[in-house]
C-alpha cells in the first residue's frame, strides 16, 4: 500500500477507471475494515492479470486465519459490487516464503531465523529488535582468535534500515 500502482483499467458502469483510482478506493475500504481489528494489517494491494483481478495480502499479529481472509474477501466483494466493478478478488496471507515488506511482519518475526540478502552478501540470523527505521539482526561469524588453531563462531549484530535494498525472508528448517 502507498506504492505507485501499475496503470491498467477496470470497466464499470460509469466507464473506464484508472487502476490507481481503484487501488486508492480499495485502500480506503481496507482502512475502514482494519479499524475494526487492531491486530489486522495489510501487507500489499496490487492488480494482476492485466487488471482483471485484485490481490490483497493481509495478516494479523497472531497470523491470519482462512476464515478471516474469507470475511475480508466478502467485505471487499460487496464493496466492489456496490461500485459496479467486475474484478476477481484474492485475499490471502503473505506466505512464509515471500519477502517481509511491512514493519509489523518484522515485529512478528522477532526471535525467528531469517535470511537477509543485500549487496554485501547473505546473512542468516535472528531479528532481535525492530523500530520505525529498521531492524537488528544477530548472526554468527567465523573469526580467528589469538592462540586458537581454528576459527570460532562469534555472535555479531548488524542494523538494517527499511529504506535499504535488502531482501528478508523467513528461514525455514535448520540454519
N, C-alpha and C. Protein backbone atom coordinates (compact mmCIF):
# COMPACT_ATOMS: atom_id res chain seq x y z
N UNK A 1 0.85 -1.17 0.00
CA UNK A 1 0.00 0.00 0.00
C UNK A 1 0.89 1.24 0.00
N UNK A 2 0.40 2.29 -0.63
CA UNK A 2 1.16 3.52 -0.65
C UNK A 2 2.22 3.53 -1.75
N UNK A 3 2.32 2.48 -2.57
CA UNK A 3 3.29 2.44 -3.64
C UNK A 3 2.62 2.88 -4.93
N UNK A 4 3.45 3.31 -5.91
CA UNK A 4 2.89 3.65 -7.20
C UNK A 4 2.37 2.37 -7.84
N UNK A 5 1.13 2.40 -8.25
CA UNK A 5 0.49 1.22 -8.82
C UNK A 5 0.71 1.20 -10.33
N UNK A 6 0.85 0.01 -10.90
CA UNK A 6 0.92 -0.05 -12.35
C UNK A 6 -0.41 0.41 -12.95
N UNK A 7 -0.37 0.99 -14.13
CA UNK A 7 -1.59 1.51 -14.73
C UNK A 7 -2.30 0.44 -15.54
N UNK A 8 -3.55 0.24 -15.29
CA UNK A 8 -4.41 -0.54 -16.15
C UNK A 8 -5.82 -0.10 -15.83
N UNK A 9 -6.81 -0.65 -16.52
CA UNK A 9 -8.17 -0.14 -16.38
C UNK A 9 -9.12 -1.21 -15.90
N UNK A 10 -10.18 -0.76 -15.26
CA UNK A 10 -11.29 -1.60 -14.86
C UNK A 10 -12.53 -0.96 -15.46
N UNK A 11 -13.33 -1.74 -16.15
CA UNK A 11 -14.54 -1.21 -16.75
C UNK A 11 -15.66 -1.32 -15.73
N UNK A 12 -16.35 -0.23 -15.52
CA UNK A 12 -17.52 -0.26 -14.64
C UNK A 12 -18.68 0.44 -15.34
N UNK A 13 -19.78 0.57 -14.66
CA UNK A 13 -20.96 1.15 -15.31
C UNK A 13 -20.76 2.61 -15.70
N UNK A 14 -19.79 3.28 -15.08
CA UNK A 14 -19.56 4.69 -15.40
C UNK A 14 -18.54 4.85 -16.52
N UNK A 15 -17.89 3.79 -16.93
CA UNK A 15 -16.88 3.90 -17.97
C UNK A 15 -15.59 3.26 -17.51
N UNK A 16 -14.48 3.91 -17.84
CA UNK A 16 -13.16 3.35 -17.56
C UNK A 16 -12.51 4.12 -16.41
N UNK A 17 -12.01 3.37 -15.44
CA UNK A 17 -11.31 3.97 -14.30
C UNK A 17 -9.85 3.56 -14.34
N UNK A 18 -8.96 4.43 -13.91
CA UNK A 18 -7.56 4.04 -13.82
C UNK A 18 -7.40 3.14 -12.60
N UNK A 19 -6.47 2.20 -12.68
CA UNK A 19 -6.26 1.30 -11.56
C UNK A 19 -5.78 2.06 -10.34
N UNK A 20 -5.07 3.17 -10.53
CA UNK A 20 -4.65 3.99 -9.39
C UNK A 20 -5.84 4.44 -8.57
N UNK A 21 -6.91 4.84 -9.24
CA UNK A 21 -8.14 5.26 -8.54
C UNK A 21 -8.76 4.07 -7.84
N UNK A 22 -8.80 2.93 -8.53
CA UNK A 22 -9.38 1.72 -7.94
C UNK A 22 -8.60 1.31 -6.70
N UNK A 23 -7.26 1.25 -6.81
CA UNK A 23 -6.45 0.85 -5.66
C UNK A 23 -6.59 1.83 -4.51
N UNK A 24 -6.68 3.11 -4.82
CA UNK A 24 -6.88 4.11 -3.78
C UNK A 24 -8.20 3.87 -3.04
N UNK A 25 -9.25 3.57 -3.78
CA UNK A 25 -10.55 3.28 -3.17
C UNK A 25 -10.49 2.01 -2.33
N UNK A 26 -9.84 0.97 -2.86
CA UNK A 26 -9.71 -0.29 -2.13
C UNK A 26 -8.93 -0.06 -0.84
N UNK A 27 -7.87 0.74 -0.91
CA UNK A 27 -7.09 1.03 0.30
C UNK A 27 -7.94 1.76 1.34
N UNK A 28 -8.83 2.64 0.92
CA UNK A 28 -9.71 3.31 1.89
C UNK A 28 -10.69 2.31 2.51
N UNK A 29 -11.19 1.35 1.71
CA UNK A 29 -12.06 0.31 2.27
C UNK A 29 -11.29 -0.56 3.26
N UNK A 30 -10.02 -0.85 2.94
CA UNK A 30 -9.21 -1.66 3.85
C UNK A 30 -8.95 -0.92 5.16
N UNK A 31 -8.72 0.38 5.08
CA UNK A 31 -8.52 1.17 6.31
C UNK A 31 -9.78 1.14 7.16
N UNK A 32 -10.93 1.26 6.52
CA UNK A 32 -12.21 1.18 7.24
C UNK A 32 -12.38 -0.19 7.89
N UNK A 33 -12.09 -1.23 7.15
CA UNK A 33 -12.22 -2.61 7.66
C UNK A 33 -11.20 -2.86 8.78
N UNK A 34 -9.96 -2.40 8.57
CA UNK A 34 -8.90 -2.61 9.55
C UNK A 34 -9.14 -1.89 10.86
N UNK A 35 -9.93 -0.83 10.84
CA UNK A 35 -10.23 -0.09 12.07
C UNK A 35 -11.01 -0.96 13.06
N UNK A 36 -11.62 -2.02 12.58
CA UNK A 36 -12.39 -2.93 13.44
C UNK A 36 -11.50 -3.83 14.29
N UNK A 37 -10.25 -4.06 13.84
CA UNK A 37 -9.37 -5.02 14.48
C UNK A 37 -7.93 -4.50 14.45
N UNK A 38 -7.41 -4.10 15.61
CA UNK A 38 -6.06 -3.55 15.68
C UNK A 38 -4.99 -4.55 15.27
N UNK A 39 -5.26 -5.84 15.42
CA UNK A 39 -4.26 -6.86 15.09
C UNK A 39 -4.11 -7.04 13.58
N UNK A 40 -5.09 -6.60 12.80
CA UNK A 40 -5.09 -6.78 11.36
C UNK A 40 -4.25 -5.71 10.67
N UNK A 41 -3.44 -6.14 9.70
CA UNK A 41 -2.69 -5.18 8.88
C UNK A 41 -2.61 -5.70 7.45
N UNK A 42 -2.36 -4.78 6.53
CA UNK A 42 -2.35 -5.10 5.11
C UNK A 42 -0.94 -4.95 4.57
N UNK A 43 -0.44 -6.02 4.00
CA UNK A 43 0.93 -6.06 3.51
C UNK A 43 1.02 -5.53 2.08
N UNK A 44 0.05 -5.88 1.25
CA UNK A 44 0.12 -5.49 -0.15
C UNK A 44 -1.27 -5.46 -0.77
N UNK A 45 -1.46 -4.54 -1.67
CA UNK A 45 -2.66 -4.48 -2.51
C UNK A 45 -2.15 -4.23 -3.92
N UNK A 46 -2.49 -5.13 -4.84
CA UNK A 46 -1.97 -4.99 -6.20
C UNK A 46 -2.95 -5.58 -7.21
N UNK A 47 -2.71 -5.24 -8.46
CA UNK A 47 -3.52 -5.78 -9.54
C UNK A 47 -2.72 -6.88 -10.23
N UNK A 48 -3.43 -7.82 -10.79
CA UNK A 48 -2.82 -8.90 -11.57
C UNK A 48 -3.69 -9.18 -12.78
N UNK A 49 -3.17 -9.97 -13.69
CA UNK A 49 -3.91 -10.40 -14.88
C UNK A 49 -4.41 -9.20 -15.69
N UNK A 50 -3.56 -8.20 -15.85
CA UNK A 50 -3.92 -7.06 -16.67
C UNK A 50 -5.11 -6.27 -16.15
N UNK A 51 -5.31 -6.27 -14.85
CA UNK A 51 -6.41 -5.51 -14.26
C UNK A 51 -7.67 -6.31 -14.04
N UNK A 52 -7.61 -7.59 -14.36
CA UNK A 52 -8.79 -8.44 -14.18
C UNK A 52 -9.00 -8.85 -12.73
N UNK A 53 -7.93 -8.78 -11.91
CA UNK A 53 -8.08 -9.21 -10.52
C UNK A 53 -7.30 -8.30 -9.57
N UNK A 54 -7.80 -8.24 -8.36
CA UNK A 54 -7.15 -7.51 -7.27
C UNK A 54 -6.67 -8.53 -6.25
N UNK A 55 -5.44 -8.35 -5.79
CA UNK A 55 -4.86 -9.24 -4.79
C UNK A 55 -4.58 -8.42 -3.54
N UNK A 56 -5.08 -8.92 -2.41
CA UNK A 56 -4.86 -8.28 -1.12
C UNK A 56 -4.15 -9.29 -0.23
N UNK A 57 -2.99 -8.90 0.30
CA UNK A 57 -2.29 -9.72 1.27
C UNK A 57 -2.48 -9.08 2.64
N UNK A 58 -3.06 -9.85 3.55
CA UNK A 58 -3.37 -9.34 4.89
C UNK A 58 -2.80 -10.30 5.92
N UNK A 59 -2.60 -9.80 7.12
CA UNK A 59 -2.09 -10.63 8.21
C UNK A 59 -2.58 -10.05 9.53
N UNK A 60 -2.40 -10.80 10.58
CA UNK A 60 -2.67 -10.33 11.93
C UNK A 60 -1.46 -10.63 12.79
N UNK A 61 -1.42 -10.04 13.95
CA UNK A 61 -0.31 -10.26 14.86
C UNK A 61 -0.13 -11.74 15.17
N UNK A 62 -1.23 -12.47 15.31
CA UNK A 62 -1.18 -13.89 15.63
C UNK A 62 -1.19 -14.78 14.39
N UNK A 63 -1.30 -14.19 13.21
CA UNK A 63 -1.41 -14.96 11.97
C UNK A 63 -2.87 -15.00 11.53
N UNK A 64 -3.12 -14.66 10.30
CA UNK A 64 -4.50 -14.57 9.82
C UNK A 64 -5.03 -15.96 9.48
N UNK A 65 -6.28 -16.20 9.80
CA UNK A 65 -6.91 -17.49 9.51
C UNK A 65 -7.62 -17.44 8.16
N UNK A 66 -7.96 -18.61 7.64
CA UNK A 66 -8.69 -18.65 6.37
C UNK A 66 -10.08 -18.04 6.53
N UNK A 67 -10.69 -18.18 7.71
CA UNK A 67 -12.00 -17.56 7.96
C UNK A 67 -11.90 -16.04 7.93
N UNK A 68 -10.81 -15.48 8.49
CA UNK A 68 -10.61 -14.03 8.46
C UNK A 68 -10.38 -13.55 7.03
N UNK A 69 -9.63 -14.32 6.24
CA UNK A 69 -9.42 -13.96 4.83
C UNK A 69 -10.74 -14.00 4.08
N UNK A 70 -11.56 -15.02 4.34
CA UNK A 70 -12.86 -15.14 3.67
C UNK A 70 -13.77 -13.98 4.02
N UNK A 71 -13.78 -13.57 5.29
CA UNK A 71 -14.63 -12.44 5.71
C UNK A 71 -14.18 -11.15 5.03
N UNK A 72 -12.88 -10.93 4.95
CA UNK A 72 -12.35 -9.74 4.29
C UNK A 72 -12.68 -9.78 2.80
N UNK A 73 -12.55 -10.94 2.18
CA UNK A 73 -12.87 -11.08 0.76
C UNK A 73 -14.35 -10.78 0.51
N UNK A 74 -15.23 -11.26 1.38
CA UNK A 74 -16.66 -10.98 1.24
C UNK A 74 -16.94 -9.49 1.35
N UNK A 75 -16.30 -8.84 2.32
CA UNK A 75 -16.46 -7.40 2.50
C UNK A 75 -16.03 -6.64 1.24
N UNK A 76 -14.85 -6.98 0.71
CA UNK A 76 -14.34 -6.30 -0.48
C UNK A 76 -15.20 -6.60 -1.70
N UNK A 77 -15.67 -7.81 -1.81
CA UNK A 77 -16.53 -8.20 -2.93
C UNK A 77 -17.81 -7.37 -2.94
N UNK A 78 -18.38 -7.20 -1.75
CA UNK A 78 -19.60 -6.39 -1.63
C UNK A 78 -19.32 -4.94 -2.03
N UNK A 79 -18.20 -4.40 -1.57
CA UNK A 79 -17.83 -3.02 -1.90
C UNK A 79 -17.60 -2.85 -3.40
N UNK A 80 -16.92 -3.82 -4.02
CA UNK A 80 -16.68 -3.76 -5.47
C UNK A 80 -18.00 -3.84 -6.24
N UNK A 81 -18.88 -4.68 -5.77
CA UNK A 81 -20.19 -4.81 -6.43
C UNK A 81 -20.97 -3.50 -6.32
N UNK A 82 -20.94 -2.87 -5.14
CA UNK A 82 -21.62 -1.59 -4.95
C UNK A 82 -21.04 -0.52 -5.87
N UNK A 83 -19.73 -0.60 -6.13
CA UNK A 83 -19.07 0.38 -7.00
C UNK A 83 -19.26 0.04 -8.48
N UNK A 84 -19.81 -1.15 -8.76
CA UNK A 84 -20.03 -1.55 -10.14
C UNK A 84 -18.79 -2.10 -10.82
N UNK A 85 -17.83 -2.58 -10.05
CA UNK A 85 -16.59 -3.11 -10.59
C UNK A 85 -16.69 -4.62 -10.74
N UNK A 86 -16.28 -5.10 -11.88
CA UNK A 86 -16.27 -6.53 -12.15
C UNK A 86 -14.82 -7.01 -12.14
N UNK A 87 -14.32 -7.32 -10.97
CA UNK A 87 -12.94 -7.81 -10.83
C UNK A 87 -12.95 -9.05 -9.96
N UNK A 88 -11.99 -9.93 -10.20
CA UNK A 88 -11.81 -11.09 -9.34
C UNK A 88 -10.99 -10.65 -8.14
N UNK A 89 -11.33 -11.16 -6.98
CA UNK A 89 -10.62 -10.81 -5.75
C UNK A 89 -9.91 -12.02 -5.19
N UNK A 90 -8.70 -11.80 -4.69
CA UNK A 90 -7.99 -12.85 -3.98
C UNK A 90 -7.43 -12.23 -2.70
N UNK A 91 -7.84 -12.77 -1.57
CA UNK A 91 -7.35 -12.30 -0.27
C UNK A 91 -6.60 -13.46 0.36
N UNK A 92 -5.36 -13.21 0.78
CA UNK A 92 -4.57 -14.28 1.38
C UNK A 92 -3.56 -13.70 2.35
N UNK A 93 -2.89 -14.60 3.06
CA UNK A 93 -1.76 -14.19 3.90
C UNK A 93 -0.55 -14.04 2.97
N UNK A 94 0.48 -13.30 3.39
CA UNK A 94 1.63 -13.10 2.53
C UNK A 94 2.41 -14.39 2.24
N UNK A 95 2.35 -15.36 3.12
CA UNK A 95 3.11 -16.60 2.91
C UNK A 95 4.49 -16.52 3.54
N UNK A 96 4.97 -17.66 3.98
CA UNK A 96 6.26 -17.70 4.68
C UNK A 96 7.45 -17.48 3.77
N UNK A 97 7.32 -17.79 2.50
CA UNK A 97 8.49 -17.71 1.62
C UNK A 97 8.61 -16.37 0.90
N UNK A 98 7.63 -15.49 1.05
CA UNK A 98 7.71 -14.18 0.41
C UNK A 98 8.52 -13.22 1.29
N UNK A 99 9.21 -12.27 0.69
CA UNK A 99 9.99 -11.32 1.49
C UNK A 99 9.11 -10.51 2.43
N UNK A 100 9.67 -10.14 3.57
CA UNK A 100 8.97 -9.27 4.52
C UNK A 100 8.90 -7.88 3.90
N UNK A 101 7.71 -7.24 4.01
CA UNK A 101 7.53 -5.92 3.39
C UNK A 101 6.90 -4.90 4.33
N UNK A 102 6.37 -5.33 5.44
CA UNK A 102 5.64 -4.44 6.34
C UNK A 102 6.30 -4.51 7.72
N UNK A 103 6.39 -3.37 8.39
CA UNK A 103 7.06 -3.32 9.69
C UNK A 103 6.44 -4.33 10.67
N UNK A 104 5.14 -4.53 10.58
CA UNK A 104 4.51 -5.47 11.52
C UNK A 104 4.91 -6.91 11.22
N UNK A 105 5.29 -7.22 9.98
CA UNK A 105 5.82 -8.55 9.68
C UNK A 105 7.17 -8.73 10.38
N UNK A 106 7.97 -7.67 10.39
CA UNK A 106 9.26 -7.73 11.09
C UNK A 106 9.04 -7.90 12.59
N UNK A 107 8.08 -7.16 13.14
CA UNK A 107 7.78 -7.28 14.57
C UNK A 107 7.34 -8.69 14.93
N UNK A 108 6.51 -9.30 14.07
CA UNK A 108 6.07 -10.68 14.28
C UNK A 108 7.23 -11.66 14.22
N UNK A 109 8.30 -11.27 13.53
CA UNK A 109 9.42 -12.17 13.29
C UNK A 109 10.56 -12.03 14.29
N UNK A 110 10.38 -11.20 15.31
CA UNK A 110 11.42 -11.09 16.34
C UNK A 110 11.64 -12.47 16.95
N UNK A 111 12.91 -12.89 16.99
CA UNK A 111 13.26 -14.20 17.52
C UNK A 111 13.25 -15.32 16.48
N UNK A 112 12.78 -15.02 15.29
CA UNK A 112 12.76 -16.02 14.21
C UNK A 112 14.03 -15.92 13.37
N UNK A 113 14.40 -17.04 12.78
CA UNK A 113 15.55 -17.06 11.90
C UNK A 113 15.14 -16.55 10.52
N UNK A 114 15.92 -15.60 10.02
CA UNK A 114 15.65 -15.00 8.71
C UNK A 114 16.92 -15.02 7.88
N UNK A 115 16.72 -14.88 6.57
CA UNK A 115 17.84 -14.74 5.65
C UNK A 115 17.77 -13.33 5.08
N UNK A 116 18.88 -12.61 5.17
CA UNK A 116 18.96 -11.25 4.65
C UNK A 116 19.95 -11.24 3.50
N UNK A 117 19.49 -10.83 2.34
CA UNK A 117 20.34 -10.74 1.16
C UNK A 117 20.42 -9.27 0.76
N UNK A 118 21.65 -8.77 0.68
CA UNK A 118 21.86 -7.40 0.22
C UNK A 118 23.09 -7.36 -0.67
N UNK A 119 23.55 -6.18 -1.01
CA UNK A 119 24.69 -6.04 -1.92
C UNK A 119 25.97 -6.65 -1.36
N UNK A 120 26.05 -6.76 -0.03
CA UNK A 120 27.25 -7.30 0.60
C UNK A 120 27.23 -8.82 0.72
N UNK A 121 26.09 -9.45 0.44
CA UNK A 121 26.01 -10.90 0.54
C UNK A 121 24.78 -11.35 1.30
N UNK A 122 24.86 -12.55 1.87
CA UNK A 122 23.74 -13.16 2.58
C UNK A 122 24.13 -13.43 4.02
N UNK A 123 23.26 -13.07 4.94
CA UNK A 123 23.44 -13.40 6.35
C UNK A 123 22.19 -14.13 6.83
N UNK A 124 22.40 -15.13 7.67
CA UNK A 124 21.30 -15.84 8.31
C UNK A 124 21.44 -15.60 9.80
N UNK A 125 20.35 -15.14 10.42
CA UNK A 125 20.38 -14.85 11.85
C UNK A 125 18.98 -14.63 12.36
N UNK A 126 18.89 -14.05 13.56
CA UNK A 126 17.59 -13.78 14.18
C UNK A 126 17.36 -12.28 14.28
N UNK A 127 16.13 -11.88 14.01
CA UNK A 127 15.74 -10.49 14.25
C UNK A 127 15.59 -10.32 15.75
N UNK A 128 16.30 -9.34 16.30
CA UNK A 128 16.25 -9.12 17.75
C UNK A 128 15.54 -7.84 18.14
N UNK A 129 15.44 -6.90 17.20
CA UNK A 129 14.84 -5.61 17.54
C UNK A 129 14.27 -4.99 16.25
N UNK A 130 13.14 -4.31 16.41
CA UNK A 130 12.52 -3.60 15.29
C UNK A 130 12.11 -2.22 15.78
N UNK A 131 12.42 -1.21 14.99
CA UNK A 131 11.97 0.15 15.29
C UNK A 131 11.42 0.76 14.00
N UNK A 132 11.00 1.99 14.03
CA UNK A 132 10.38 2.62 12.87
C UNK A 132 11.33 2.71 11.67
N UNK A 133 12.63 2.78 11.92
CA UNK A 133 13.59 2.95 10.84
C UNK A 133 14.13 1.64 10.29
N UNK A 134 14.14 0.57 11.10
CA UNK A 134 14.75 -0.67 10.63
C UNK A 134 14.73 -1.76 11.68
N UNK A 135 15.67 -2.70 11.54
CA UNK A 135 15.72 -3.84 12.45
C UNK A 135 17.16 -4.24 12.72
N UNK A 136 17.34 -5.05 13.77
CA UNK A 136 18.66 -5.55 14.15
C UNK A 136 18.67 -7.06 13.97
N UNK A 137 19.75 -7.55 13.39
CA UNK A 137 19.95 -8.97 13.17
C UNK A 137 21.14 -9.44 13.99
N UNK A 138 20.98 -10.55 14.72
CA UNK A 138 22.11 -11.19 15.38
C UNK A 138 22.44 -12.43 14.57
N UNK A 139 23.71 -12.60 14.27
CA UNK A 139 24.16 -13.73 13.46
C UNK A 139 25.51 -14.19 13.99
N UNK A 140 25.98 -15.32 13.50
CA UNK A 140 27.28 -15.83 13.92
C UNK A 140 28.24 -15.75 12.75
N UNK A 141 29.47 -15.32 13.06
CA UNK A 141 30.52 -15.22 12.05
C UNK A 141 31.75 -15.98 12.54
N UNK A 142 32.44 -16.65 11.63
CA UNK A 142 33.68 -17.34 11.99
C UNK A 142 34.80 -16.32 12.05
N UNK A 143 35.56 -16.38 13.16
CA UNK A 143 36.69 -15.46 13.32
C UNK A 143 37.86 -16.21 13.90
N UNK A 144 39.03 -15.82 13.47
CA UNK A 144 40.26 -16.37 14.05
C UNK A 144 40.54 -15.62 15.35
N UNK A 145 40.88 -16.39 16.35
CA UNK A 145 41.23 -15.77 17.63
C UNK A 145 42.65 -16.16 17.99
N UNK A 146 43.35 -15.24 18.67
CA UNK A 146 44.73 -15.50 19.06
C UNK A 146 44.81 -16.76 19.91
N UNK A 147 45.80 -17.59 19.62
CA UNK A 147 46.02 -18.81 20.40
C UNK A 147 45.15 -19.98 19.98
N UNK A 148 44.25 -19.78 19.04
CA UNK A 148 43.36 -20.86 18.58
C UNK A 148 43.81 -21.28 17.17
N UNK A 149 43.79 -22.60 16.92
CA UNK A 149 44.18 -23.11 15.61
C UNK A 149 43.07 -22.91 14.58
N UNK A 150 41.86 -23.05 15.03
CA UNK A 150 40.71 -22.96 14.12
C UNK A 150 39.86 -21.73 14.44
N UNK A 151 39.18 -21.25 13.41
CA UNK A 151 38.27 -20.13 13.68
C UNK A 151 37.12 -20.60 14.58
N UNK A 152 36.57 -19.66 15.34
CA UNK A 152 35.43 -19.96 16.22
C UNK A 152 34.24 -19.11 15.79
N UNK A 153 33.04 -19.58 16.11
CA UNK A 153 31.82 -18.84 15.81
C UNK A 153 31.63 -17.76 16.88
N UNK A 154 31.47 -16.53 16.44
CA UNK A 154 31.33 -15.39 17.34
C UNK A 154 30.02 -14.67 16.99
N UNK A 155 29.19 -14.37 18.02
CA UNK A 155 27.95 -13.64 17.71
C UNK A 155 28.25 -12.19 17.32
N UNK A 156 27.56 -11.73 16.31
CA UNK A 156 27.67 -10.36 15.83
C UNK A 156 26.27 -9.80 15.60
N UNK A 157 26.15 -8.48 15.61
CA UNK A 157 24.88 -7.85 15.29
C UNK A 157 25.08 -6.90 14.12
N UNK A 158 24.00 -6.70 13.39
CA UNK A 158 24.03 -5.75 12.29
C UNK A 158 22.67 -5.08 12.21
N UNK A 159 22.69 -3.77 12.04
CA UNK A 159 21.47 -3.00 11.89
C UNK A 159 21.18 -2.78 10.41
N UNK A 160 19.91 -2.88 10.05
CA UNK A 160 19.46 -2.64 8.69
C UNK A 160 18.38 -1.57 8.71
N UNK A 161 18.37 -0.73 7.70
CA UNK A 161 17.31 0.26 7.53
C UNK A 161 16.26 -0.31 6.59
N UNK A 162 14.99 -0.01 6.87
CA UNK A 162 13.93 -0.44 5.96
C UNK A 162 14.10 0.20 4.59
N UNK A 163 14.72 1.37 4.55
CA UNK A 163 14.93 2.06 3.27
C UNK A 163 16.05 1.42 2.46
N UNK A 164 16.77 0.46 3.05
CA UNK A 164 17.85 -0.23 2.33
C UNK A 164 17.31 -1.17 1.28
N UNK A 165 18.21 -1.74 0.51
CA UNK A 165 17.79 -2.59 -0.61
C UNK A 165 17.97 -4.08 -0.29
N UNK A 166 17.74 -4.47 0.95
CA UNK A 166 17.87 -5.87 1.30
C UNK A 166 16.56 -6.63 1.10
N UNK A 167 16.71 -7.94 0.94
CA UNK A 167 15.57 -8.86 0.82
C UNK A 167 15.61 -9.75 2.05
N UNK A 168 14.53 -9.74 2.83
CA UNK A 168 14.47 -10.50 4.08
C UNK A 168 13.37 -11.54 3.97
N UNK A 169 13.72 -12.81 4.19
CA UNK A 169 12.74 -13.89 4.17
C UNK A 169 12.90 -14.75 5.41
N UNK A 170 11.80 -15.36 5.85
CA UNK A 170 11.84 -16.29 6.97
C UNK A 170 12.61 -17.52 6.50
N UNK A 171 13.53 -17.99 7.33
CA UNK A 171 14.32 -19.17 7.01
C UNK A 171 13.63 -20.36 7.65
N UNK A 172 13.21 -21.29 6.81
CA UNK A 172 12.54 -22.48 7.30
C UNK A 172 13.55 -23.59 7.51
N UNK A 173 13.31 -24.42 8.51
CA UNK A 173 14.20 -25.56 8.77
C UNK A 173 15.45 -25.12 9.51
N UNK A 174 16.51 -25.93 9.36
CA UNK A 174 17.77 -25.65 10.06
C UNK A 174 18.52 -24.53 9.37
N UNK A 175 19.34 -23.85 10.16
CA UNK A 175 20.17 -22.77 9.63
C UNK A 175 21.15 -23.37 8.71
